PDB file of N, CA and C in Angstrom:
ATOM      1  N   GLY A   1       0.805  -1.193   0.000  1.00  0.00           N
ATOM      2  CA  GLY A   1       0.000   0.000   0.000  1.00  0.00           C
ATOM      3  C   GLY A   1       0.846   1.255   0.000  1.00  0.00           C
ATOM      4  N   ASP A   2       0.167   2.362  -0.111  1.00  0.00           N
ATOM      5  CA  ASP A   2       0.821   3.654  -0.159  1.00  0.00           C
ATOM      6  C   ASP A   2       1.108   4.194   1.236  1.00  0.00           C
ATOM      7  N   VAL A   3       2.220   4.893   1.358  1.00  0.00           N
ATOM      8  CA  VAL A   3       2.483   5.706   2.536  1.00  0.00           C
ATOM      9  C   VAL A   3       1.967   7.091   2.149  1.00  0.00           C
ATOM     10  N   LEU A   4       0.810   7.454   2.717  1.00  0.00           N
ATOM     11  CA  LEU A   4       0.071   8.630   2.271  1.00  0.00           C
ATOM     12  C   LEU A   4      -0.462   9.389   3.487  1.00  0.00           C
ATOM     13  N   PRO A   5       0.412  10.177   4.131  1.00  0.00           N
ATOM     14  CA  PRO A   5      -0.006  10.878   5.349  1.00  0.00           C
ATOM     15  C   PRO A   5      -0.988  12.019   5.100  1.00  0.00           C
ATOM     16  N   HIS A   6      -2.265  11.749   5.335  1.00  0.00           N
ATOM     17  CA  HIS A   6      -3.273  12.804   5.328  1.00  0.00           C
ATOM     18  C   HIS A   6      -3.101  13.641   6.598  1.00  0.00           C
ATOM     19  N   SER A   7      -3.790  14.744   6.671  1.00  0.00           N
ATOM     20  CA  SER A   7      -3.658  15.661   7.814  1.00  0.00           C
ATOM     21  C   SER A   7      -3.906  14.969   9.151  1.00  0.00           C
ATOM     22  N   SER A   8      -4.884  14.087   9.211  1.00  0.00           N
ATOM     23  CA  SER A   8      -5.177  13.397  10.473  1.00  0.00           C
ATOM     24  C   SER A   8      -4.021  12.490  10.903  1.00  0.00           C
ATOM     25  N   VAL A   9      -3.331  11.908   9.941  1.00  0.00           N
ATOM     26  CA  VAL A   9      -2.172  11.056  10.234  1.00  0.00           C
ATOM     27  C   VAL A   9      -1.005  11.925  10.734  1.00  0.00           C
ATOM     28  N   ILE A  10      -0.797  13.060  10.099  1.00  0.00           N
ATOM     29  CA  ILE A  10       0.255  13.981  10.532  1.00  0.00           C
ATOM     30  C   ILE A  10      -0.034  14.479  11.944  1.00  0.00           C
ATOM     31  N   ASP A  11      -1.294  14.814  12.206  1.00  0.00           N
ATOM     32  CA  ASP A  11      -1.688  15.266  13.552  1.00  0.00           C
ATOM     33  C   ASP A  11      -1.425  14.181  14.595  1.00  0.00           C
ATOM     34  N   ARG A  12      -1.723  12.934  14.273  1.00  0.00           N
ATOM     35  CA  ARG A  12      -1.494  11.828  15.208  1.00  0.00           C
ATOM     36  C   ARG A  12       0.001  11.650  15.473  1.00  0.00           C
ATOM     37  N   ALA A  13       0.818  11.787  14.432  1.00  0.00           N
ATOM     38  CA  ALA A  13       2.268  11.663  14.598  1.00  0.00           C
ATOM     39  C   ALA A  13       2.818  12.760  15.497  1.00  0.00           C
ATOM     40  N   ALA A  14       2.223  13.942  15.445  1.00  0.00           N
ATOM     41  CA  ALA A  14       2.641  15.034  16.334  1.00  0.00           C
ATOM     42  C   ALA A  14       2.311  14.692  17.779  1.00  0.00           C
ATOM     43  N   VAL A  15       1.138  14.133  18.011  1.00  0.00           N
ATOM     44  CA  VAL A  15       0.753  13.710  19.361  1.00  0.00           C
ATOM     45  C   VAL A  15       1.689  12.603  19.845  1.00  0.00           C
ATOM     46  N   ASP A  16       1.961  11.630  18.991  1.00  0.00           N
ATOM     47  CA  ASP A  16       2.836  10.509  19.365  1.00  0.00           C
ATOM     48  C   ASP A  16       4.256  10.957  19.660  1.00  0.00           C
ATOM     49  N   ALA A  17       4.661  12.097  19.113  1.00  0.00           N
ATOM     50  CA  ALA A  17       6.006  12.626  19.387  1.00  0.00           C
ATOM     51  C   ALA A  17       6.050  13.444  20.673  1.00  0.00           C
ATOM     52  N   GLY A  18       4.898  13.666  21.275  1.00  0.00           N
ATOM     53  CA  GLY A  18       4.860  14.376  22.545  1.00  0.00           C
ATOM     54  C   GLY A  18       5.351  15.812  22.472  1.00  0.00           C
ATOM     55  N   GLY A  19       5.094  16.469  21.347  1.00  0.00           N
ATOM     56  CA  GLY A  19       5.488  17.864  21.210  1.00  0.00           C
ATOM     57  C   GLY A  19       6.891  18.072  20.669  1.00  0.00           C
ATOM     58  N   ALA A  20       7.560  16.992  20.317  1.00  0.00           N
ATOM     59  CA  ALA A  20       8.934  17.091  19.786  1.00  0.00           C
ATOM     60  C   ALA A  20       8.974  16.573  18.359  1.00  0.00           C
ATOM     61  N   GLY A  21       8.333  17.272  17.442  1.00  0.00           N
ATOM     62  CA  GLY A  21       8.336  16.857  16.044  1.00  0.00           C
ATOM     63  C   GLY A  21       7.209  15.904  15.723  1.00  0.00           C
ATOM     64  N   TYR A  22       7.545  14.836  14.987  1.00  0.00           N
ATOM     65  CA  TYR A  22       6.551  13.880  14.511  1.00  0.00           C
ATOM     66  C   TYR A  22       7.124  12.480  14.647  1.00  0.00           C
ATOM     67  N   ASP A  23       6.315  11.564  15.158  1.00  0.00           N
ATOM     68  CA  ASP A  23       6.747  10.177  15.307  1.00  0.00           C
ATOM     69  C   ASP A  23       5.719   9.274  14.638  1.00  0.00           C
ATOM     70  N   PHE A  24       6.085   8.729  13.499  1.00  0.00           N
ATOM     71  CA  PHE A  24       5.192   7.853  12.744  1.00  0.00           C
ATOM     72  C   PHE A  24       5.389   6.378  13.110  1.00  0.00           C
ATOM     73  N   ALA A  25       6.423   6.058  13.867  1.00  0.00           N
ATOM     74  CA  ALA A  25       6.724   4.658  14.192  1.00  0.00           C
ATOM     75  C   ALA A  25       5.585   3.965  14.944  1.00  0.00           C
ATOM     76  N   PRO A  26       4.925   4.617  15.912  1.00  0.00           N
ATOM     77  CA  PRO A  26       3.834   3.913  16.591  1.00  0.00           C
ATOM     78  C   PRO A  26       2.717   3.469  15.646  1.00  0.00           C
ATOM     79  N   MET A  27       2.431   4.262  14.621  1.00  0.00           N
ATOM     80  CA  MET A  27       1.392   3.882  13.658  1.00  0.00           C
ATOM     81  C   MET A  27       1.798   2.679  12.829  1.00  0.00           C
ATOM     82  N   LEU A  28       3.087   2.522  12.626  1.00  0.00           N
ATOM     83  CA  LEU A  28       3.595   1.431  11.788  1.00  0.00           C
ATOM     84  C   LEU A  28       3.992   0.203  12.600  1.00  0.00           C
ATOM     85  N   ALA A  29       3.922   0.299  13.917  1.00  0.00           N
ATOM     86  CA  ALA A  29       4.393  -0.785  14.789  1.00  0.00           C
ATOM     87  C   ALA A  29       3.693  -2.116  14.519  1.00  0.00           C
ATOM     88  N   GLY A  30       2.426  -2.073  14.170  1.00  0.00           N
ATOM     89  CA  GLY A  30       1.687  -3.311  13.925  1.00  0.00           C
ATOM     90  C   GLY A  30       2.188  -4.104  12.740  1.00  0.00           C
ATOM     91  N   VAL A  31       2.739  -3.436  11.743  1.00  0.00           N
ATOM     92  CA  VAL A  31       3.242  -4.133  10.556  1.00  0.00           C
ATOM     93  C   VAL A  31       4.742  -4.392  10.636  1.00  0.00           C
ATOM     94  N   ALA A  32       5.403  -3.831  11.637  1.00  0.00           N
ATOM     95  CA  ALA A  32       6.865  -3.958  11.736  1.00  0.00           C
ATOM     96  C   ALA A  32       7.349  -5.407  11.757  1.00  0.00           C
ATOM     97  N   PRO A  33       6.710  -6.324  12.484  1.00  0.00           N
ATOM     98  CA  PRO A  33       7.202  -7.711  12.462  1.00  0.00           C
ATOM     99  C   PRO A  33       7.176  -8.334  11.065  1.00  0.00           C
ATOM    100  N   VAL A  34       6.154  -8.044  10.296  1.00  0.00           N
ATOM    101  CA  VAL A  34       6.054  -8.593   8.940  1.00  0.00           C
ATOM    102  C   VAL A  34       7.077  -7.926   8.025  1.00  0.00           C
ATOM    103  N   VAL A  35       7.129  -6.596   8.086  1.00  0.00           N
ATOM    104  CA  VAL A  35       8.034  -5.849   7.210  1.00  0.00           C
ATOM    105  C   VAL A  35       9.485  -6.176   7.526  1.00  0.00           C
ATOM    106  N   SER A  36       9.849  -6.129   8.781  1.00  0.00           N
ATOM    107  CA  SER A  36      11.249  -6.370   9.149  1.00  0.00           C
ATOM    108  C   SER A  36      11.662  -7.821   8.937  1.00  0.00           C
ATOM    109  N   GLY A  37      10.707  -8.713   8.882  1.00  0.00           N
ATOM    110  CA  GLY A  37      11.008 -10.121   8.641  1.00  0.00           C
ATOM    111  C   GLY A  37      11.190 -10.468   7.180  1.00  0.00           C
ATOM    112  N   ALA A  38      10.877  -9.551   6.302  1.00  0.00           N
ATOM    113  CA  ALA A  38      10.994  -9.809   4.860  1.00  0.00           C
ATOM    114  C   ALA A  38      12.453  -9.730   4.419  1.00  0.00           C
ATOM    115  N   ASP A  39      12.807 -10.509   3.427  1.00  0.00           N
ATOM    116  CA  ASP A  39      14.150 -10.425   2.860  1.00  0.00           C
ATOM    117  C   ASP A  39      14.389  -9.061   2.234  1.00  0.00           C
ATOM    118  N   LEU A  40      13.363  -8.525   1.612  1.00  0.00           N
ATOM    119  CA  LEU A  40      13.439  -7.213   0.979  1.00  0.00           C
ATOM    120  C   LEU A  40      12.059  -6.573   1.102  1.00  0.00           C
ATOM    121  N   ALA A  41      11.989  -5.421   1.749  1.00  0.00           N
ATOM    122  CA  ALA A  41      10.702  -4.769   1.988  1.00  0.00           C
ATOM    123  C   ALA A  41      10.642  -3.428   1.258  1.00  0.00           C
ATOM    124  N   PHE A  42       9.615  -3.279   0.416  1.00  0.00           N
ATOM    125  CA  PHE A  42       9.394  -2.070  -0.371  1.00  0.00           C
ATOM    126  C   PHE A  42       8.142  -1.352   0.107  1.00  0.00           C
ATOM    127  N   CYS A  43       8.153  -0.030   0.029  1.00  0.00           N
ATOM    128  CA  CYS A  43       6.944   0.751   0.240  1.00  0.00           C
ATOM    129  C   CYS A  43       6.777   1.690  -0.941  1.00  0.00           C
ATOM    130  N   HIS A  44       5.633   2.324  -0.986  1.00  0.00           N
ATOM    131  CA  HIS A  44       5.416   3.358  -1.994  1.00  0.00           C
ATOM    132  C   HIS A  44       5.208   4.671  -1.254  1.00  0.00           C
ATOM    133  N   MET A  45       6.211   5.549  -1.311  1.00  0.00           N
ATOM    134  CA  MET A  45       6.120   6.864  -0.670  1.00  0.00           C
ATOM    135  C   MET A  45       5.338   7.760  -1.614  1.00  0.00           C
ATOM    136  N   GLU A  46       4.049   7.862  -1.357  1.00  0.00           N
ATOM    137  CA  GLU A  46       3.126   8.563  -2.247  1.00  0.00           C
ATOM    138  C   GLU A  46       3.331  10.075  -2.248  1.00  0.00           C
ATOM    139  N   THR A  47       3.761  10.621  -1.116  1.00  0.00           N
ATOM    140  CA  THR A  47       3.863  12.076  -0.979  1.00  0.00           C
ATOM    141  C   THR A  47       5.319  12.525  -0.927  1.00  0.00           C
ATOM    142  N   VAL A  48       5.502  13.828  -1.066  1.00  0.00           N
ATOM    143  CA  VAL A  48       6.832  14.415  -0.876  1.00  0.00           C
ATOM    144  C   VAL A  48       6.909  15.010   0.522  1.00  0.00           C
ATOM    145  N   TYR A  49       8.131  15.295   0.949  1.00  0.00           N
ATOM    146  CA  TYR A  49       8.346  15.851   2.282  1.00  0.00           C
ATOM    147  C   TYR A  49       8.474  17.367   2.191  1.00  0.00           C
ATOM    148  N   GLY A  50       7.868  18.031   3.168  1.00  0.00           N
ATOM    149  CA  GLY A  50       7.964  19.477   3.268  1.00  0.00           C
ATOM    150  C   GLY A  50       9.251  19.879   3.968  1.00  0.00           C
ATOM    151  N   GLU A  51       9.439  21.183   4.116  1.00  0.00           N
ATOM    152  CA  GLU A  51      10.613  21.710   4.804  1.00  0.00           C
ATOM    153  C   GLU A  51      10.582  21.326   6.272  1.00  0.00           C
ATOM    154  N   GLU A  52      11.756  21.142   6.857  1.00  0.00           N
ATOM    155  CA  GLU A  52      11.880  20.849   8.282  1.00  0.00           C
ATOM    156  C   GLU A  52      11.076  21.886   9.067  1.00  0.00           C
ATOM    157  N   GLY A  53      10.189  21.424   9.928  1.00  0.00           N
ATOM    158  CA  GLY A  53       9.369  22.312  10.735  1.00  0.00           C
ATOM    159  C   GLY A  53       8.050  22.712  10.100  1.00  0.00           C
ATOM    160  N   GLY A  54       7.847  22.351   8.833  1.00  0.00           N
ATOM    161  CA  GLY A  54       6.574  22.577   8.180  1.00  0.00           C
ATOM    162  C   GLY A  54       6.454  23.920   7.494  1.00  0.00           C
ATOM    163  N   PRO A  55       5.281  24.279   7.108  1.00  0.00           N
ATOM    164  CA  PRO A  55       4.016  23.606   7.406  1.00  0.00           C
ATOM    165  C   PRO A  55       3.838  22.347   6.553  1.00  0.00           C
ATOM    166  N   TYR A  56       3.075  21.410   7.104  1.00  0.00           N
ATOM    167  CA  TYR A  56       2.782  20.163   6.416  1.00  0.00           C
ATOM    168  C   TYR A  56       1.309  20.153   6.040  1.00  0.00           C
ATOM    169  N   THR A  57       1.013  19.544   4.909  1.00  0.00           N
ATOM    170  CA  THR A  57      -0.340  19.578   4.390  1.00  0.00           C
ATOM    171  C   THR A  57      -0.781  18.200   3.917  1.00  0.00           C
ATOM    172  N   GLY A  58      -2.080  17.993   3.955  1.00  0.00           N
ATOM    173  CA  GLY A  58      -2.689  16.787   3.415  1.00  0.00           C
ATOM    174  C   GLY A  58      -3.350  17.101   2.087  1.00  0.00           C
ATOM    175  N   TYR A  59      -4.370  16.365   1.791  1.00  0.00           N
ATOM    176  CA  TYR A  59      -5.096  16.490   0.536  1.00  0.00           C
ATOM    177  C   TYR A  59      -5.537  17.928   0.300  1.00  0.00           C
ATOM    178  N   PRO A  60      -5.446  18.432  -0.907  1.00  0.00           N
ATOM    179  CA  PRO A  60      -5.113  17.745  -2.156  1.00  0.00           C
ATOM    180  C   PRO A  60      -3.643  17.854  -2.556  1.00  0.00           C
ATOM    181  N   SER A  61      -2.895  18.743  -1.913  1.00  0.00           N
ATOM    182  CA  SER A  61      -1.484  18.935  -2.258  1.00  0.00           C
ATOM    183  C   SER A  61      -0.645  18.608  -1.027  1.00  0.00           C
ATOM    184  N   PHE A  62      -0.028  17.441  -1.034  1.00  0.00           N
ATOM    185  CA  PHE A  62       0.628  16.898   0.146  1.00  0.00           C
ATOM    186  C   PHE A  62       2.046  17.418   0.350  1.00  0.00           C
ATOM    187  N   LYS A  63       2.376  17.681   1.597  1.00  0.00           N
ATOM    188  CA  LYS A  63       3.749  17.906   2.055  1.00  0.00           C
ATOM    189  C   LYS A  63       3.834  17.241   3.423  1.00  0.00           C
ATOM    190  N   SER A  64       4.550  16.138   3.486  1.00  0.00           N
ATOM    191  CA  SER A  64       4.632  15.341   4.706  1.00  0.00           C
ATOM    192  C   SER A  64       5.882  15.680   5.506  1.00  0.00           C
ATOM    193  N   PRO A  65       5.849  15.448   6.817  1.00  0.00           N
ATOM    194  CA  PRO A  65       7.052  15.654   7.622  1.00  0.00           C
ATOM    195  C   PRO A  65       8.152  14.674   7.203  1.00  0.00           C
ATOM    196  N   PRO A  66       9.391  15.135   7.136  1.00  0.00           N
ATOM    197  CA  PRO A  66      10.480  14.238   6.739  1.00  0.00           C
ATOM    198  C   PRO A  66      10.732  13.116   7.744  1.00  0.00           C
ATOM    199  N   GLU A  67      10.183  13.230   8.937  1.00  0.00           N
ATOM    200  CA  GLU A  67      10.320  12.155   9.931  1.00  0.00           C
ATOM    201  C   GLU A  67       9.694  10.850   9.482  1.00  0.00           C
ATOM    202  N   VAL A  68       8.870  10.889   8.445  1.00  0.00           N
ATOM    203  CA  VAL A  68       8.300   9.660   7.890  1.00  0.00           C
ATOM    204  C   VAL A  68       9.425   8.706   7.503  1.00  0.00           C
ATOM    205  N   ALA A  69      10.481   9.219   6.913  1.00  0.00           N
ATOM    206  CA  ALA A  69      11.577   8.369   6.422  1.00  0.00           C
ATOM    207  C   ALA A  69      12.201   7.554   7.546  1.00  0.00           C
ATOM    208  N   ALA A  70      12.465   8.174   8.682  1.00  0.00           N
ATOM    209  CA  ALA A  70      13.058   7.449   9.811  1.00  0.00           C
ATOM    210  C   ALA A  70      12.116   6.357  10.313  1.00  0.00           C
ATOM    211  N   ALA A  71      10.822   6.641  10.333  1.00  0.00           N
ATOM    212  CA  ALA A  71       9.855   5.636  10.786  1.00  0.00           C
ATOM    213  C   ALA A  71       9.789   4.456   9.820  1.00  0.00           C
ATOM    214  N   LEU A  72       9.916   4.736   8.531  1.00  0.00           N
ATOM    215  CA  LEU A  72       9.927   3.643   7.558  1.00  0.00           C
ATOM    216  C   LEU A  72      11.137   2.739   7.780  1.00  0.00           C
ATOM    217  N   ARG A  73      12.270   3.337   8.050  1.00  0.00           N
ATOM    218  CA  ARG A  73      13.487   2.553   8.317  1.00  0.00           C
ATOM    219  C   ARG A  73      13.324   1.744   9.601  1.00  0.00           C
ATOM    220  N   THR A  74      12.807   2.379  10.642  1.00  0.00           N
ATOM    221  CA  THR A  74      12.573   1.691  11.918  1.00  0.00           C
ATOM    222  C   THR A  74      11.638   0.505  11.727  1.00  0.00           C
ATOM    223  N   THR A  75      10.676   0.648  10.849  1.00  0.00           N
ATOM    224  CA  THR A  75       9.708  -0.423  10.577  1.00  0.00           C
ATOM    225  C   THR A  75      10.339  -1.563   9.801  1.00  0.00           C
ATOM    226  N   GLY A  76      11.423  -1.280   9.097  1.00  0.00           N
ATOM    227  CA  GLY A  76      12.129  -2.339   8.381  1.00  0.00           C
ATOM    228  C   GLY A  76      12.109  -2.229   6.877  1.00  0.00           C
ATOM    229  N   PHE A  77      11.599  -1.123   6.361  1.00  0.00           N
ATOM    230  CA  PHE A  77      11.589  -0.962   4.908  1.00  0.00           C
ATOM    231  C   PHE A  77      12.999  -0.732   4.399  1.00  0.00           C
ATOM    232  N   ASP A  78      13.300  -1.355   3.266  1.00  0.00           N
ATOM    233  CA  ASP A  78      14.608  -1.237   2.620  1.00  0.00           C
ATOM    234  C   ASP A  78      14.603  -0.221   1.494  1.00  0.00           C
ATOM    235  N   SER A  79      13.460  -0.086   0.828  1.00  0.00           N
ATOM    236  CA  SER A  79      13.385   0.747  -0.364  1.00  0.00           C
ATOM    237  C   SER A  79      11.962   1.247  -0.557  1.00  0.00           C
ATOM    238  N   CYS A  80      11.844   2.383  -1.235  1.00  0.00           N
ATOM    239  CA  CYS A  80      10.527   2.943  -1.562  1.00  0.00           C
ATOM    240  C   CYS A  80      10.491   3.393  -3.006  1.00  0.00           C
ATOM    241  N   SER A  81       9.354   3.195  -3.642  1.00  0.00           N
ATOM    242  CA  SER A  81       9.118   3.844  -4.919  1.00  0.00           C
ATOM    243  C   SER A  81       8.633   5.258  -4.598  1.00  0.00           C
ATOM    244  N   THR A  82       8.968   6.208  -5.460  1.00  0.00           N
ATOM    245  CA  THR A  82       8.645   7.602  -5.168  1.00  0.00           C
ATOM    246  C   THR A  82       7.907   8.303  -6.299  1.00  0.00           C
ATOM    247  N   ALA A  83       7.560   7.620  -7.353  1.00  0.00           N
ATOM    248  CA  ALA A  83       6.845   8.239  -8.462  1.00  0.00           C
ATOM    249  C   ALA A  83       5.344   8.054  -8.266  1.00  0.00           C
ATOM    250  N   SER A  84       4.638   9.164  -8.159  1.00  0.00           N
ATOM    251  CA  SER A  84       3.192   9.100  -8.001  1.00  0.00           C
ATOM    252  C   SER A  84       2.562  10.364  -8.562  1.00  0.00           C
ATOM    253  N   ASN A  85       1.259  10.435  -8.482  1.00  0.00           N
ATOM    254  CA  ASN A  85       0.563  11.639  -8.913  1.00  0.00           C
ATOM    255  C   ASN A  85       0.811  12.809  -7.959  1.00  0.00           C
ATOM    256  N   HIS A  86       1.470  12.566  -6.823  1.00  0.00           N
ATOM    257  CA  HIS A  86       1.792  13.637  -5.878  1.00  0.00           C
ATOM    258  C   HIS A  86       3.279  14.000  -5.873  1.00  0.00           C
ATOM    259  N   THR A  87       4.049  13.417  -6.764  1.00  0.00           N
ATOM    260  CA  THR A  87       5.496  13.642  -6.779  1.00  0.00           C
ATOM    261  C   THR A  87       5.867  15.117  -6.883  1.00  0.00           C
ATOM    262  N   LEU A  88       5.108  15.878  -7.609  1.00  0.00           N
ATOM    263  CA  LEU A  88       5.446  17.295  -7.808  1.00  0.00           C
ATOM    264  C   LEU A  88       4.548  18.243  -7.007  1.00  0.00           C
ATOM    265  N   ASP A  89       3.913  17.736  -5.937  1.00  0.00           N
ATOM    266  CA  ASP A  89       3.044  18.584  -5.120  1.00  0.00           C
ATOM    267  C   ASP A  89       3.780  19.787  -4.530  1.00  0.00           C
ATOM    268  N   ASP A  90       5.069  19.677  -4.318  1.00  0.00           N
ATOM    269  CA  ASP A  90       5.855  20.818  -3.833  1.00  0.00           C
ATOM    270  C   ASP A  90       7.041  21.087  -4.759  1.00  0.00           C
ATOM    271  N   GLY A  91       6.860  20.778  -6.032  1.00  0.00           N
ATOM    272  CA  GLY A  91       7.871  21.066  -7.039  1.00  0.00           C
ATOM    273  C   GLY A  91       9.150  20.262  -6.864  1.00  0.00           C
ATOM    274  N   ALA A  92      10.187  20.732  -7.539  1.00  0.00           N
ATOM    275  CA  ALA A  92      11.483  20.053  -7.493  1.00  0.00           C
ATOM    276  C   ALA A  92      12.073  20.053  -6.089  1.00  0.00           C
ATOM    277  N   ASP A  93      11.813  21.095  -5.304  1.00  0.00           N
ATOM    278  CA  ASP A  93      12.329  21.141  -3.929  1.00  0.00           C
ATOM    279  C   ASP A  93      11.748  20.012  -3.088  1.00  0.00           C
ATOM    280  N   GLY A  94      10.467  19.717  -3.282  1.00  0.00           N
ATOM    281  CA  GLY A  94       9.850  18.616  -2.552  1.00  0.00           C
ATOM    282  C   GLY A  94      10.466  17.279  -2.910  1.00  0.00           C
ATOM    283  N   VAL A  95      10.738  17.083  -4.184  1.00  0.00           N
ATOM    284  CA  VAL A  95      11.395  15.846  -4.629  1.00  0.00           C
ATOM    285  C   VAL A  95      12.771  15.735  -3.980  1.00  0.00           C
ATOM    286  N   ARG A  96      13.543  16.808  -4.037  1.00  0.00           N
ATOM    287  CA  ARG A  96      14.890  16.801  -3.457  1.00  0.00           C
ATOM    288  C   ARG A  96      14.841  16.500  -1.956  1.00  0.00           C
ATOM    289  N   ARG A  97      13.957  17.174  -1.232  1.00  0.00           N
ATOM    290  CA  ARG A  97      13.858  16.935   0.217  1.00  0.00           C
ATOM    291  C   ARG A  97      13.483  15.487   0.523  1.00  0.00           C
ATOM    292  N   THR A  98      12.577  14.950  -0.269  1.00  0.00           N
ATOM    293  CA  THR A  98      12.145  13.566  -0.054  1.00  0.00           C
ATOM    294  C   THR A  98      13.299  12.597  -0.263  1.00  0.00           C
ATOM    295  N   LEU A  99      14.006  12.745  -1.367  1.00  0.00           N
ATOM    296  CA  LEU A  99      15.119  11.836  -1.656  1.00  0.00           C
ATOM    297  C   LEU A  99      16.251  12.016  -0.646  1.00  0.00           C
ATOM    298  N   ASP A 100      16.504  13.251  -0.228  1.00  0.00           N
ATOM    299  CA  ASP A 100      17.528  13.498   0.791  1.00  0.00           C
ATOM    300  C   ASP A 100      17.164  12.816   2.108  1.00  0.00           C
ATOM    301  N   ALA A 101      15.899  12.916   2.506  1.00  0.00           N
ATOM    302  CA  ALA A 101      15.462  12.294   3.762  1.00  0.00           C
ATOM    303  C   ALA A 101      15.537  10.772   3.680  1.00  0.00           C
ATOM    304  N   LEU A 102      15.135  10.213   2.551  1.00  0.00           N
ATOM    305  CA  LEU A 102      15.234   8.760   2.386  1.00  0.00           C
ATOM    306  C   LEU A 102      16.695   8.325   2.416  1.00  0.00           C
ATOM    307  N   ASP A 103      17.564   9.058   1.732  1.00  0.00           N
ATOM    308  CA  ASP A 103      18.994   8.752   1.771  1.00  0.00           C
ATOM    309  C   ASP A 103      19.511   8.807   3.206  1.00  0.00           C
ATOM    310  N   GLY A 104      19.134   9.848   3.928  1.00  0.00           N
ATOM    311  CA  GLY A 104      19.578  10.010   5.304  1.00  0.00           C
ATOM    312  C   GLY A 104      19.123   8.892   6.218  1.00  0.00           C
ATOM    313  N   ALA A 105      17.977   8.319   5.908  1.00  0.00           N
ATOM    314  CA  ALA A 105      17.448   7.209   6.702  1.00  0.00           C
ATOM    315  C   ALA A 105      17.976   5.851   6.238  1.00  0.00           C
ATOM    316  N   GLY A 106      18.727   5.851   5.146  1.00  0.00           N
ATOM    317  CA  GLY A 106      19.262   4.596   4.636  1.00  0.00           C
ATOM    318  C   GLY A 106      18.259   3.786   3.842  1.00  0.00           C
ATOM    319  N   ILE A 107      17.299   4.469   3.252  1.00  0.00           N
ATOM    320  CA  ILE A 107      16.291   3.799   2.439  1.00  0.00           C
ATOM    321  C   ILE A 107      16.562   4.091   0.967  1.00  0.00           C
ATOM    322  N   ARG A 108      16.726   3.041   0.198  1.00  0.00           N
ATOM    323  CA  ARG A 108      16.946   3.206  -1.228  1.00  0.00           C
ATOM    324  C   ARG A 108      15.637   3.619  -1.877  1.00  0.00           C
ATOM    325  N   HIS A 109      15.700   4.175  -3.068  1.00  0.00           N
ATOM    326  CA  HIS A 109      14.496   4.665  -3.706  1.00  0.00           C
ATOM    327  C   HIS A 109      14.641   4.641  -5.227  1.00  0.00           C
ATOM    328  N   ALA A 110      13.506   4.591  -5.885  1.00  0.00           N
ATOM    329  CA  ALA A 110      13.444   4.644  -7.349  1.00  0.00           C
ATOM    330  C   ALA A 110      12.112   5.259  -7.732  1.00  0.00           C
ATOM    331  N   GLY A 111      12.117   5.966  -8.860  1.00  0.00           N
ATOM    332  CA  GLY A 111      10.878   6.503  -9.379  1.00  0.00           C
ATOM    333  C   GLY A 111      10.959   7.966  -9.705  1.00  0.00           C
ATOM    334  N   SER A 112      11.478   8.769  -8.789  1.00  0.00           N
ATOM    335  CA  SER A 112      11.698  10.189  -9.050  1.00  0.00           C
ATOM    336  C   SER A 112      13.189  10.452  -8.935  1.00  0.00           C
ATOM    337  N   ALA A 113      13.614  11.625  -9.421  1.00  0.00           N
ATOM    338  CA  ALA A 113      15.038  11.934  -9.422  1.00  0.00           C
ATOM    339  C   ALA A 113      15.243  13.428  -9.192  1.00  0.00           C
ATOM    340  N   ARG A 114      16.421  13.770  -8.718  1.00  0.00           N
ATOM    341  CA  ARG A 114      16.737  15.175  -8.434  1.00  0.00           C
ATOM    342  C   ARG A 114      16.886  16.019  -9.701  1.00  0.00           C
ATOM    343  N   THR A 115      17.197  15.393 -10.814  1.00  0.00           N
ATOM    344  CA  THR A 115      17.341  16.128 -12.079  1.00  0.00           C
ATOM    345  C   THR A 115      16.525  15.451 -13.160  1.00  0.00           C
TER     346      THR A 115
END
């Protein structure tokens, strides 16, 4: 399935972080045993990441917190596809931020590119 943080999901991650950013790992904890047990685990990062500190937005033009990438790694994902109908929701800067965050989390990616 898609990793597609709508506003309600972003709000929940803020609560789960206790006022210190965003923590998506608790939402993904239920699937972590299956994902981390796979030889190779892929996700589809449907949205792009906004600037550190936000603002973050849901539908119709998504900008997700970059903390999503760390939670995906914690859950056990190895790689994500990044090409979707939301790839350019925040232009080339959104693509760059997304790929940078995935790289920083150690998650490989394919689908969109910096150039």
